[in-house]
Protein backbone atom coordinates (compact mmCIF):
# COMPACT_ATOMS: atom_id res chain seq x y z
CA MET A 1 24.04 24.24 -11.36
CA SER A 2 20.48 22.91 -10.24
CA THR A 3 19.06 23.67 -7.22
CA PRO A 4 18.66 20.50 -4.80
CA ALA A 5 15.15 18.98 -4.54
CA ARG A 6 13.50 20.08 -1.06
CA GLU A 7 11.66 17.26 0.81
CA HIS A 8 7.70 17.23 1.34
CA VAL A 9 7.55 17.77 4.79
CA PRO A 10 5.51 19.78 6.84
CA SER A 11 6.44 23.38 7.61
CA ARG A 12 5.38 24.19 10.88
CA PRO A 13 3.07 25.82 12.12
CA THR A 14 1.51 26.34 8.65
CA TRP A 15 1.31 22.71 7.81
CA ARG A 16 1.80 23.41 4.22
CA CYS A 17 4.45 21.34 2.11
CA ARG A 18 8.15 22.86 2.35
CA ALA A 19 8.60 21.90 -1.33
CA CYS A 20 5.23 22.37 -3.03
CA GLY A 21 3.46 24.60 -0.64
CA ILE A 22 0.12 23.15 -0.59
CA ALA A 23 -1.79 21.41 2.36
CA TRP A 24 0.50 18.57 3.73
CA PRO A 25 0.60 16.18 3.57
CA CYS A 26 0.49 16.45 -0.14
CA SER A 27 0.40 13.92 -2.56
CA SER A 28 4.16 13.39 -2.95
CA ALA A 29 4.19 13.06 0.68
CA LYS A 30 1.46 10.38 1.00
CA LEU A 31 3.17 8.39 -1.77
CA ARG A 32 6.49 8.42 0.41
CA LEU A 33 4.96 7.85 3.28
CA LEU A 34 3.06 4.93 2.22
CA ALA A 35 6.47 3.30 0.80
CA GLU A 36 8.24 3.73 4.10
CA TYR A 37 5.31 2.28 6.58
CA ARG A 38 4.56 -0.82 4.09
CA GLY A 39 3.66 -3.33 5.84
CA ASN A 40 2.95 -1.00 8.93
CA LEU A 41 -0.37 0.62 8.38
CA PRO A 42 -0.71 0.77 12.23
CA GLY A 43 2.11 2.43 12.66
CA LEU A 44 1.55 5.14 9.91
CA MET A 45 -1.96 5.97 11.50
CA ILE A 46 0.08 6.87 15.34
CA TYR A 47 2.18 8.81 13.32
CA LEU A 48 -0.27 10.86 11.55
CA VAL A 49 -2.36 11.48 14.19
CA THR A 50 0.19 12.67 16.10
CA LEU A 51 1.15 14.94 13.67
CA ARG A 52 -2.40 15.91 13.35
CA GLU A 53 -3.18 16.74 16.65
CA GLU A 54 0.14 19.17 16.65
CA ALA A 55 -1.29 20.39 13.40
CA ILE A 56 -4.55 20.87 15.70
CA GLU A 57 -2.61 23.01 18.11
CA GLN A 58 -0.41 25.41 16.05
CA LEU A 59 -3.24 25.92 13.69
CA ALA A 60 -5.85 27.20 16.39
CA GLU A 61 -2.72 29.15 18.52
CA ARG A 62 -2.33 30.94 14.57
CA GLU A 63 -6.02 32.08 14.62
CA PRO A 64 -7.74 31.73 17.86
CA GLY A 65 -11.54 31.08 17.00
CA ALA A 66 -11.16 30.69 13.74
CA ARG A 67 -12.61 27.31 12.37
CA LEU A 68 -10.26 24.92 11.06
CA PRO A 69 -10.15 22.91 8.11
CA ASP A 70 -10.96 19.17 8.24
CA LEU A 71 -7.85 17.85 9.57
CA HIS A 72 -9.35 14.61 10.17
CA ARG A 73 -9.55 14.57 6.61
CA ARG A 74 -6.48 15.68 5.41
CA PHE A 75 -4.27 13.48 8.03
CA THR A 76 -5.80 9.93 7.80
CA ASP A 77 -8.51 9.39 5.62
CA TRP A 78 -6.28 8.51 2.76
CA VAL A 79 -4.30 6.01 4.40
CA PRO A 80 -5.94 2.52 2.93
CA VAL A 81 -7.78 0.48 5.78
CA HIS A 82 -7.15 -3.20 5.67
CA SER A 83 -9.98 -5.71 7.17
CA CYS A 84 -8.64 -8.27 9.58
CA ARG A 85 -9.37 -11.99 8.52
């Protein structure tokens, strides 16, 4: 009997992927989010910025005074940007 597949979602307050254990959003989560928000990149950015701010608060609470990783790059830099014409 096989175990059910786990979703690539964040585990709070560590912000690691529940399925693969790497920093969220992992590659699988990024692909899922791009597909889910196809045609609505502004909506995806709003969602990711909201999660990024939540992650900043939670990670800072876990290790006060510790230097946080570059969460901007991790959460939003990977989203494709299209110029408006």
